[in-house]
């Protein structure tokens, strides 16, 4: 007897971004685990690539890193066309998967998918078209799907499928001063999701409470799956001598001789207070800040540029291994970006991760550092206490003095760092693939979708 595999589609909204994000990691891990659980997985993209009859052009366009920018007037026309098509319920076109496009070396950035589809300009059009009271854009897929799992709160639905939406956090509502999006448009989208979603997934009990309290969603319509933290063994278990050489050669840093923050440089990450606390701690070790520049980066890095604005942002760029780091104020090193293979070594070699974020839906950087055995200093707010358990040092993220004292404690106490290094991987194991699989199986069962278990 042939048992049909459940068909589950995932959106590729965050997968198409140049530099990785926590949501992109969530999406990739979700495709991998659903595939391991026996599902047939498809990914829906909204790239600008052609939807015409040329199979090769559609495939090439999906992976094109530098799509040609259009003149403003033509872009406005294309946006109008995309919104018009979305209003009529576009049919996604399948993107062929052949060996004509060389993808070797990109595996870590790609989802594990059996099918790929694309609707040109889909996500851009959906966001532009969204408005309070307006129905979501409807998308049709050429193959019937049991579930469409939106990994980000997009104003879209797939017809003929049960639609799950992952709401990672409600930061635009809890901290409206920390994001740039239109709060009116965001609230309209999130309220419609709350009312119409077949189910809502989220990544922490803290986010679940926010969804219930701010949006009035009943508890039974929300599932907490957390996130899955996995780092390839080739990177996590790389011989320490080789990892040391990478950290020294690429960044000019000594193993165990620096503090580290990695993630987007934006208001909720609390970079300004991290720098202030670090300087107040008097630590002789440099502080490394690795992350792409987000909104209000000037304010967050103000202590570094207060007397010479000409240094910003030209002195903070990624120029390859020889030009990665630019020392600013002698004690703080900014890295715009580090490839994941080098970032893992950078995390492993850090004295501690400093991650006292003001608000997180989950807090993946803290968990990744713990998995690698790096001590973590983090916040005692939002999701972070439930994620790090007793395996990290926690402080009030608004208390700079407490933060500075925690840095001093980590600096002076070898036993404390060793204890946190031991506890970290054990706490991170609670978020491994097996635990994540069990949570996914339970959530999808609520929609009548029977997923198998990996290995069965």
Protein backbone atom coordinates (compact mmCIF):
# COMPACT_ATOMS: atom_id res chain seq x y z
CA UNK A 1 0.00 0.00 0.00
CA UNK A 2 1.41 3.37 -1.01
CA UNK A 3 1.24 6.04 1.68
CA UNK A 4 1.09 9.55 0.27
CA UNK A 5 3.50 12.00 1.77
CA UNK A 6 2.05 15.17 3.28
CA UNK A 7 2.68 18.11 0.96
CA UNK A 8 3.88 21.20 2.78
CA UNK A 9 4.85 24.49 1.16
CA UNK A 10 7.10 27.10 2.78
CA UNK A 11 7.63 30.72 1.74
CA UNK A 12 11.10 31.81 0.59
CA UNK A 13 10.70 35.43 1.69
CA UNK A 14 13.75 35.51 3.97
CA UNK A 15 15.72 32.90 2.06
CA UNK A 16 16.37 35.36 -0.76
CA UNK A 17 18.20 37.87 1.47
CA UNK A 18 21.92 38.33 0.75
CA UNK A 19 23.04 37.93 4.36
CA UNK A 20 21.57 35.42 6.73
CA UNK A 21 18.91 36.27 9.28
CA UNK A 22 17.43 34.35 12.17
CA UNK A 23 14.21 33.89 10.21
CA UNK A 24 16.15 32.54 7.21
CA UNK A 25 17.82 30.01 9.51
CA UNK A 26 14.40 29.10 10.89
CA UNK A 27 13.08 28.57 7.37
CA UNK A 28 16.00 26.40 6.24
CA UNK A 29 15.84 24.28 9.38
CA UNK A 30 12.08 23.88 8.98
CA UNK A 31 12.44 22.54 5.43
CA UNK A 32 15.15 20.12 6.55
CA UNK A 33 13.18 18.76 9.48
CA UNK A 34 9.89 18.47 7.58
CA UNK A 35 11.73 16.58 4.86
CA UNK A 36 13.29 14.29 7.46
CA UNK A 37 9.81 13.68 8.90
CA UNK A 38 8.58 12.37 5.58
CA UNK A 39 6.93 15.44 4.08
CA UNK A 40 7.20 16.54 0.47
CA UNK A 41 8.44 20.12 0.78
CA UNK A 42 8.04 22.96 -1.68
CA UNK A 43 9.29 26.55 -1.45
CA UNK A 44 7.46 29.55 -2.89
CA UNK A 45 9.64 32.49 -3.94
CA UNK A 46 8.82 36.01 -5.01
CA UNK A 47 11.97 36.79 -6.98
CA UNK A 48 11.98 39.25 -9.88
CA UNK A 49 13.03 36.46 -12.22
CA UNK A 50 11.05 35.63 -15.33
CA UNK A 51 7.84 33.62 -15.15
CA UNK A 52 7.93 32.92 -18.88
CA UNK A 53 8.29 29.68 -20.80
CA UNK A 54 12.09 29.55 -20.79
CA UNK A 55 12.97 26.94 -18.14
CA UNK A 56 16.65 27.88 -18.06
CA UNK A 57 15.90 31.57 -17.59
CA UNK A 58 13.51 30.82 -14.72
CA UNK A 59 16.11 28.68 -12.99
CA UNK A 60 18.95 31.16 -13.51
CA UNK A 61 16.76 34.04 -12.38
CA UNK A 62 15.95 32.38 -9.07
CA UNK A 63 19.62 32.36 -8.06
CA UNK A 64 20.65 35.65 -9.69
CA UNK A 65 22.53 37.58 -7.00
CA UNK A 66 22.52 40.87 -8.88
CA UNK A 67 19.20 41.39 -10.66
CA UNK A 68 19.36 44.53 -12.80
CA UNK A 69 17.73 47.48 -11.01
CA UNK A 70 14.98 49.14 -13.00
CA UNK A 71 14.59 52.88 -13.59
CA UNK A 72 12.15 54.33 -11.02
CA UNK A 73 9.33 54.82 -13.51
CA UNK A 74 9.65 51.29 -14.87
CA UNK A 75 9.90 49.87 -11.33
CA UNK A 76 6.68 51.68 -10.39
CA UNK A 77 4.99 50.16 -13.44
CA UNK A 78 6.25 46.65 -12.59
CA UNK A 79 5.07 47.09 -8.99
CA UNK A 80 1.63 48.12 -10.24
CA UNK A 81 1.46 45.05 -12.52
CA UNK A 82 2.51 42.75 -9.66
CA UNK A 83 -0.15 44.20 -7.35
CA UNK A 84 -2.78 43.86 -10.08
CA UNK A 85 -1.83 40.22 -10.69
CA UNK A 86 -1.90 39.51 -6.97
CA UNK A 87 -5.42 40.91 -6.74
CA UNK A 88 -6.46 38.33 -9.36
CA UNK A 89 -4.86 35.34 -7.60
CA UNK A 90 -1.71 34.50 -9.60
CA UNK A 91 -0.66 30.95 -10.39
CA UNK A 92 2.92 30.25 -9.34
CA UNK A 93 5.23 28.81 -11.99
CA UNK A 94 7.40 25.81 -11.24
CA UNK A 95 11.14 26.46 -11.31
CA UNK A 96 13.03 23.50 -12.78
CA UNK A 97 15.80 21.93 -10.74
CA UNK A 98 18.63 20.70 -12.93
CA UNK A 99 22.40 20.60 -12.80
CA UNK A 100 22.68 23.54 -15.17
CA UNK A 101 23.13 26.04 -12.32
CA UNK A 102 26.15 25.15 -10.18
CA UNK A 103 25.05 25.30 -6.53
CA UNK A 104 28.04 23.63 -4.93
CA UNK A 105 29.19 25.70 -1.97
CA UNK A 106 25.74 27.23 -1.47
CA UNK A 107 24.19 24.24 0.25
CA UNK A 108 24.16 25.91 3.68
CA UNK A 109 22.03 28.77 2.31
CA UNK A 110 19.51 26.67 0.43
CA UNK A 111 16.35 24.98 1.71
CA UNK A 112 15.81 21.25 1.38
CA UNK A 113 12.98 21.26 -1.11
CA UNK A 114 11.38 18.84 -3.54
CA UNK A 115 9.69 21.61 -5.52
CA UNK A 116 10.33 25.28 -6.17
CA UNK A 117 7.83 27.86 -7.41
CA UNK A 118 8.04 31.55 -8.15
CA UNK A 119 5.65 34.46 -8.57
CA UNK A 120 7.67 37.49 -9.73
CA UNK A 121 7.51 40.35 -7.25
CA UNK A 122 5.07 38.48 -5.00
CA UNK A 123 6.29 39.53 -1.57
CA UNK A 124 7.00 43.13 -2.54
CA UNK A 125 3.52 43.42 -4.05
CA UNK A 126 1.89 41.82 -1.01
CA UNK A 127 3.51 44.28 1.39
CA UNK A 128 2.69 47.27 -0.83
CA UNK A 129 -0.91 46.14 -1.23
CA UNK A 130 -1.53 45.42 2.46
CA UNK A 131 -3.93 47.69 4.29
CA UNK A 132 -6.18 47.34 7.35
CA UNK A 133 -9.45 45.71 6.30
CA UNK A 134 -8.13 44.48 2.95
CA UNK A 135 -8.21 40.75 2.32
CA UNK A 136 -4.94 38.92 1.91
CA UNK A 137 -3.57 38.27 -1.55
CA UNK A 138 -4.45 34.79 -2.81
CA UNK A 139 -1.84 32.63 -4.51
CA UNK A 140 -2.42 29.39 -6.39
CA UNK A 141 0.15 26.62 -6.63
CA UNK A 142 0.26 24.18 -9.55
CA UNK A 143 0.35 21.20 -7.18
CA UNK A 144 -2.16 20.68 -4.38
CA UNK A 145 -0.63 21.33 -0.96
CA UNK A 146 -1.89 20.12 2.39
CA UNK A 147 -0.34 23.04 4.27
CA UNK A 148 1.18 26.41 3.42
CA UNK A 149 3.50 27.39 6.25
CA UNK A 150 4.35 31.09 6.16
CA UNK A 151 7.55 31.60 8.14
CA UNK A 152 6.93 35.34 8.42
CA UNK A 153 3.65 37.28 8.89
CA UNK A 154 2.97 38.05 5.22
CA UNK A 155 -0.45 39.24 3.96
CA UNK A 156 -0.86 36.20 1.72
CA UNK A 157 -2.78 32.92 1.59
CA UNK A 158 -2.48 29.86 -0.63
CA UNK A 159 -5.81 28.61 -1.89
CA UNK A 160 -6.81 25.02 -1.20
CA UNK A 161 -4.37 24.54 1.70
CA UNK A 162 -4.41 25.03 5.42
CA UNK A 163 -2.37 28.15 6.17
CA UNK A 164 -0.04 28.27 9.17
CA UNK A 165 1.73 31.52 10.06
CA UNK A 166 4.80 31.80 12.26
CA UNK A 167 4.81 34.94 14.38
CA UNK A 168 8.31 35.17 15.83
CA UNK A 169 7.60 38.17 18.04
CA UNK A 170 5.51 41.31 18.29
CA UNK A 171 8.41 43.75 18.57
CA UNK A 172 6.75 46.36 16.28
CA UNK A 173 3.91 46.54 18.83
CA UNK A 174 5.88 46.03 22.05
CA UNK A 175 8.75 48.34 21.02
CA UNK A 176 7.36 50.53 18.20
CA UNK A 177 10.33 52.89 18.50
CA UNK A 178 12.70 50.06 17.58
CA UNK A 179 11.40 49.24 14.08
CA UNK A 180 10.80 51.22 10.90
CA UNK A 181 7.77 49.40 9.50
CA UNK A 182 4.33 50.96 9.18
CA UNK A 183 2.65 50.06 12.45
CA UNK A 184 -0.82 50.56 10.97
CA UNK A 185 -0.08 48.16 8.11
CA UNK A 186 1.67 45.69 10.40
CA UNK A 187 -1.19 45.66 12.90
CA UNK A 188 -3.72 45.16 10.11
CA UNK A 189 -1.77 42.16 8.81
CA UNK A 190 -1.17 40.60 12.19
CA UNK A 191 -4.81 41.01 13.26
CA UNK A 192 -6.06 39.31 10.11
CA UNK A 193 -3.62 36.47 10.71
CA UNK A 194 -4.94 36.20 14.27
CA UNK A 195 -8.50 35.99 12.95
CA UNK A 196 -8.09 33.81 9.86
CA UNK A 197 -5.01 31.59 10.22
CA UNK A 198 -5.70 27.88 10.43
CA UNK A 199 -3.00 27.80 13.09
CA UNK A 200 -0.26 30.04 14.49
CA UNK A 201 3.26 28.88 15.29
CA UNK A 202 5.66 30.81 17.47
CA UNK A 203 9.13 30.32 18.88
CA UNK A 204 8.82 30.90 22.64
CA UNK A 205 6.35 30.98 25.48
CA UNK A 206 7.10 34.70 25.81
CA UNK A 207 5.95 35.32 22.24
CA UNK A 208 2.91 33.11 22.81
CA UNK A 209 1.87 35.26 25.77
CA UNK A 210 2.23 38.40 23.66
CA UNK A 211 0.10 36.91 20.87
CA UNK A 212 -2.61 35.95 23.35
CA UNK A 213 -2.55 39.24 25.26
CA UNK A 214 -2.17 41.71 22.39
CA UNK A 215 -4.15 39.91 19.68
CA UNK A 216 -6.63 37.89 21.71
CA UNK A 217 -5.75 34.56 20.08
CA UNK A 218 -6.98 31.54 22.10
CA UNK A 219 -4.20 29.38 23.51
CA UNK A 220 -5.35 26.29 21.60
CA UNK A 221 -4.69 28.03 18.26
CA UNK A 222 -1.02 28.65 19.06
CA UNK A 223 1.83 26.15 19.14
CA UNK A 224 5.29 26.86 20.54
CA UNK A 225 7.82 24.94 18.46
CA UNK A 226 10.89 26.95 19.50
CA UNK A 227 13.70 26.83 16.95
CA UNK A 228 16.12 24.10 16.04
CA UNK A 229 19.79 24.88 16.55
CA UNK A 230 22.17 22.88 14.39
CA UNK A 231 25.70 23.69 13.30
CA UNK A 232 27.44 21.37 10.82
CA UNK A 233 29.87 19.05 12.59
CA UNK A 234 32.59 20.02 10.13
CA UNK A 235 32.47 23.53 11.62
CA UNK A 236 31.47 22.85 15.23
CA UNK A 237 34.05 20.08 15.64
CA UNK A 238 36.81 21.60 13.53
CA UNK A 239 40.20 20.95 15.19
CA UNK A 240 40.88 23.79 17.61
CA UNK A 241 44.31 24.44 16.13
CA UNK A 242 42.73 25.11 12.74
CA UNK A 243 39.98 27.29 14.24
CA UNK A 244 42.61 29.25 16.18
CA UNK A 245 44.58 29.83 13.00
CA UNK A 246 41.44 31.08 11.23
CA UNK A 247 40.61 33.54 14.00
CA UNK A 248 44.17 34.82 14.06
CA UNK A 249 44.63 34.95 10.30
CA UNK A 250 41.26 36.38 9.32
CA UNK A 251 40.64 38.74 12.22
CA UNK A 252 43.99 39.24 13.96
CA UNK A 253 42.50 38.00 17.24
CA UNK A 254 43.87 35.70 19.91
CA UNK A 255 41.83 32.66 20.95
CA UNK A 256 39.94 33.44 24.15
CA UNK A 257 41.17 37.03 24.03
CA UNK A 258 38.08 38.99 22.95
CA UNK A 259 34.41 39.59 23.75
CA UNK A 260 31.90 39.05 20.97
CA UNK A 261 28.53 40.30 19.83
CA UNK A 262 27.07 39.03 16.55
CA UNK A 263 23.76 39.90 14.97
CA UNK A 264 22.08 42.88 13.34
CA UNK A 265 23.12 46.28 14.68
CA UNK A 266 19.71 47.73 15.50
CA UNK A 267 18.02 49.31 18.53
CA UNK A 268 16.64 46.15 20.15
CA UNK A 269 20.08 44.54 20.20
CA UNK A 270 21.25 47.09 22.79
CA UNK A 271 24.63 47.73 21.16
CA UNK A 272 25.01 51.18 22.70
CA UNK A 273 24.73 49.81 26.25
CA UNK A 274 27.00 46.87 25.39
CA UNK A 275 29.74 49.29 24.33
CA UNK A 276 29.15 51.51 27.37
CA UNK A 277 29.26 48.55 29.77
CA UNK A 278 32.32 47.08 28.10
CA UNK A 279 34.23 50.35 28.37
CA UNK A 280 33.14 50.73 32.01
CA UNK A 281 34.32 47.20 32.84
CA UNK A 282 37.93 48.12 32.15
CA UNK A 283 38.54 44.80 30.41
CA UNK A 284 41.86 44.63 28.57
CA UNK A 285 40.37 42.38 25.90
CA UNK A 286 38.87 43.94 22.75
CA UNK A 287 35.15 43.89 21.98
CA UNK A 288 34.25 42.49 18.56
CA UNK A 289 30.90 43.54 17.06
CA UNK A 290 30.01 41.46 14.02
CA UNK A 291 26.81 42.31 12.19
CA UNK A 292 25.21 44.11 9.31
CA UNK A 293 24.14 47.68 9.85
CA UNK A 294 20.46 48.08 10.56
CA UNK A 295 18.32 51.03 11.48
CA UNK A 296 19.75 53.73 13.82
CA UNK A 297 23.25 52.29 13.52
CA UNK A 298 24.76 55.75 14.08
CA UNK A 299 23.00 56.11 17.42
CA UNK A 300 23.93 52.59 18.50
CA UNK A 301 27.62 53.18 17.70
CA UNK A 302 27.67 56.82 18.83
CA UNK A 303 30.38 56.24 21.47
CA UNK A 304 32.77 55.20 18.73
CA UNK A 305 32.25 58.20 16.49
CA UNK A 306 31.30 61.06 18.79
CA UNK A 307 34.32 63.19 17.87
CA UNK A 308 34.98 62.15 14.27
CA UNK A 309 31.92 61.35 12.15
CA UNK A 310 34.10 61.11 9.06
CA UNK A 311 35.11 57.60 10.12
CA UNK A 312 31.56 56.35 9.61
CA UNK A 313 30.78 54.18 7.75
CA UNK A 314 33.85 53.93 5.49
CA UNK A 315 35.96 52.30 8.22
CA UNK A 316 33.48 49.48 8.78
CA UNK A 317 33.44 47.24 5.76
CA UNK A 318 34.17 43.66 4.82
CA UNK A 319 37.03 43.49 2.32
CA UNK A 320 37.89 39.82 2.56
CA UNK A 321 40.28 38.12 4.99
CA UNK A 322 42.98 40.81 4.75
CA UNK A 323 40.63 43.75 5.26
CA UNK A 324 37.97 42.35 7.54
CA UNK A 325 38.69 44.31 10.67
CA UNK A 326 39.15 48.02 11.29
CA UNK A 327 40.00 48.99 14.87
CA UNK A 328 37.97 51.90 16.14
CA UNK A 329 38.97 53.62 19.36
CA UNK A 330 41.60 50.87 19.69
CA UNK A 331 39.36 48.68 21.85
CA UNK A 332 36.30 47.99 19.68
CA UNK A 333 36.49 46.08 16.41
CA UNK A 334 33.64 46.25 13.90
CA UNK A 335 33.04 43.54 11.34
CA UNK A 336 30.34 44.19 8.78
CA UNK A 337 30.01 40.52 7.98
CA UNK A 338 31.79 37.20 8.40
CA UNK A 339 31.02 34.07 6.36
CA UNK A 340 29.33 31.45 8.51
CA UNK A 341 32.30 29.07 8.35
CA UNK A 342 34.50 31.78 9.92
CA UNK A 343 31.78 33.07 12.24
CA UNK A 344 31.59 29.65 13.91
CA UNK A 345 35.32 29.77 14.66
CA UNK A 346 34.95 33.36 15.87
CA UNK A 347 32.20 32.30 18.30
CA UNK A 348 34.21 29.32 19.54
CA UNK A 349 37.22 31.49 20.29
CA UNK A 350 35.38 34.25 22.15
CA UNK A 351 35.89 34.83 25.86
CA UNK A 352 32.11 35.23 26.05
CA UNK A 353 29.18 36.22 23.89
CA UNK A 354 27.63 39.51 25.01
CA UNK A 355 23.95 39.37 24.03
CA UNK A 356 21.89 41.48 26.47
CA UNK A 357 19.13 42.16 23.94
CA UNK A 358 16.19 44.36 24.90
CA UNK A 359 13.70 41.98 23.30
CA UNK A 360 13.87 38.66 21.45
CA UNK A 361 11.25 36.29 20.17
CA UNK A 362 13.77 33.49 20.55
CA UNK A 363 17.45 34.51 20.71
CA UNK A 364 19.27 32.20 18.30
CA UNK A 365 22.76 33.76 18.76
CA UNK A 366 22.73 32.91 22.47
CA UNK A 367 21.79 29.30 21.74
CA UNK A 368 24.36 28.93 18.96
CA UNK A 369 27.11 30.18 21.28
CA UNK A 370 26.02 27.79 24.05
CA UNK A 371 25.99 24.88 21.61
CA UNK A 372 29.62 25.69 20.78
CA UNK A 373 30.59 25.87 24.46
CA UNK A 374 31.09 29.64 24.57
CA UNK A 375 29.98 31.38 27.79
CA UNK A 376 27.00 33.70 27.32
CA UNK A 377 25.98 36.96 28.98
CA UNK A 378 22.38 37.75 28.11
CA UNK A 379 19.15 39.42 29.21
CA UNK A 380 16.63 38.42 31.85
CA UNK A 381 13.68 39.58 29.72
CA UNK A 382 11.36 38.26 26.99
CA UNK A 383 12.26 34.80 25.63
CA UNK A 384 15.88 34.65 26.72
CA UNK A 385 15.43 33.20 30.24
CA UNK A 386 13.46 30.22 28.90
CA UNK A 387 15.99 29.66 26.11
CA UNK A 388 19.23 29.85 28.12
CA UNK A 389 17.90 28.30 31.35
CA UNK A 390 20.65 28.21 33.99
CA UNK A 391 23.41 27.97 31.39
CA UNK A 392 24.09 31.70 30.97
CA UNK A 393 24.73 34.78 33.05
CA UNK A 394 21.64 37.04 32.93
CA UNK A 395 21.32 40.77 33.63
CA UNK A 396 18.78 43.56 33.31
CA UNK A 397 19.52 44.83 29.77
CA UNK A 398 18.76 48.42 30.83
CA UNK A 399 21.24 48.32 33.74
CA UNK A 400 24.65 49.24 32.33
CA UNK A 401 26.37 48.93 35.70
CA UNK A 402 25.08 45.37 36.20
CA UNK A 403 26.24 44.55 32.70
CA UNK A 404 29.73 45.95 33.38
CA UNK A 405 29.95 43.98 36.64
CA UNK A 406 28.94 40.79 34.82
CA UNK A 407 31.70 41.36 32.25
CA UNK A 408 34.17 41.85 35.10
CA UNK A 409 32.98 38.63 36.74
CA UNK A 410 33.38 36.67 33.53
CA UNK A 411 36.79 38.22 32.96
CA UNK A 412 38.15 37.43 36.42
CA UNK A 413 36.56 34.05 37.14
CA UNK A 414 37.94 31.18 35.08
CA UNK A 415 35.75 28.72 36.98
CA UNK A 416 32.60 30.67 36.06
CA UNK A 417 33.48 30.62 32.38
CA UNK A 418 34.30 26.92 32.56
CA UNK A 419 30.98 26.17 34.29
CA UNK A 420 29.00 28.08 31.65
CA UNK A 421 30.98 26.36 28.89
CA UNK A 422 29.97 23.00 30.38
CA UNK A 423 26.31 23.90 30.88
CA UNK A 424 25.80 25.54 27.50
CA UNK A 425 25.84 22.48 25.22
CA UNK A 426 23.54 20.60 27.61
CA UNK A 427 20.97 23.40 27.53
CA UNK A 428 21.31 23.71 23.75
CA UNK A 429 20.54 19.98 23.44
CA UNK A 430 16.96 20.76 24.49
CA UNK A 431 16.60 22.51 21.14
CA UNK A 432 18.16 19.83 18.95
CA UNK A 433 16.56 18.20 15.93
CA UNK A 434 14.87 15.41 17.91
CA UNK A 435 13.08 17.83 20.25
CA UNK A 436 12.15 20.11 17.36
CA UNK A 437 10.77 17.17 15.37
CA UNK A 438 8.51 16.18 18.25
CA UNK A 439 7.11 19.71 18.48
CA UNK A 440 6.49 19.87 14.74
CA UNK A 441 4.73 16.49 14.76
CA UNK A 442 2.47 17.68 17.58
CA UNK A 443 1.62 20.98 15.87
CA UNK A 444 0.87 19.52 12.44
CA UNK A 445 -1.26 16.79 14.03
CA UNK A 446 -3.60 19.55 15.21
CA UNK A 447 -4.33 20.20 11.52
CA UNK A 448 -4.79 16.53 10.73
CA UNK A 449 -1.35 16.17 9.12
CA UNK A 450 0.46 12.99 10.16
CA UNK A 451 4.21 13.42 10.01
CA UNK A 452 6.47 10.45 10.54
CA UNK A 453 9.55 10.56 12.68
CA UNK A 454 13.04 10.78 11.27
CA UNK A 455 14.46 7.34 10.67
CA UNK A 456 11.10 5.52 10.65
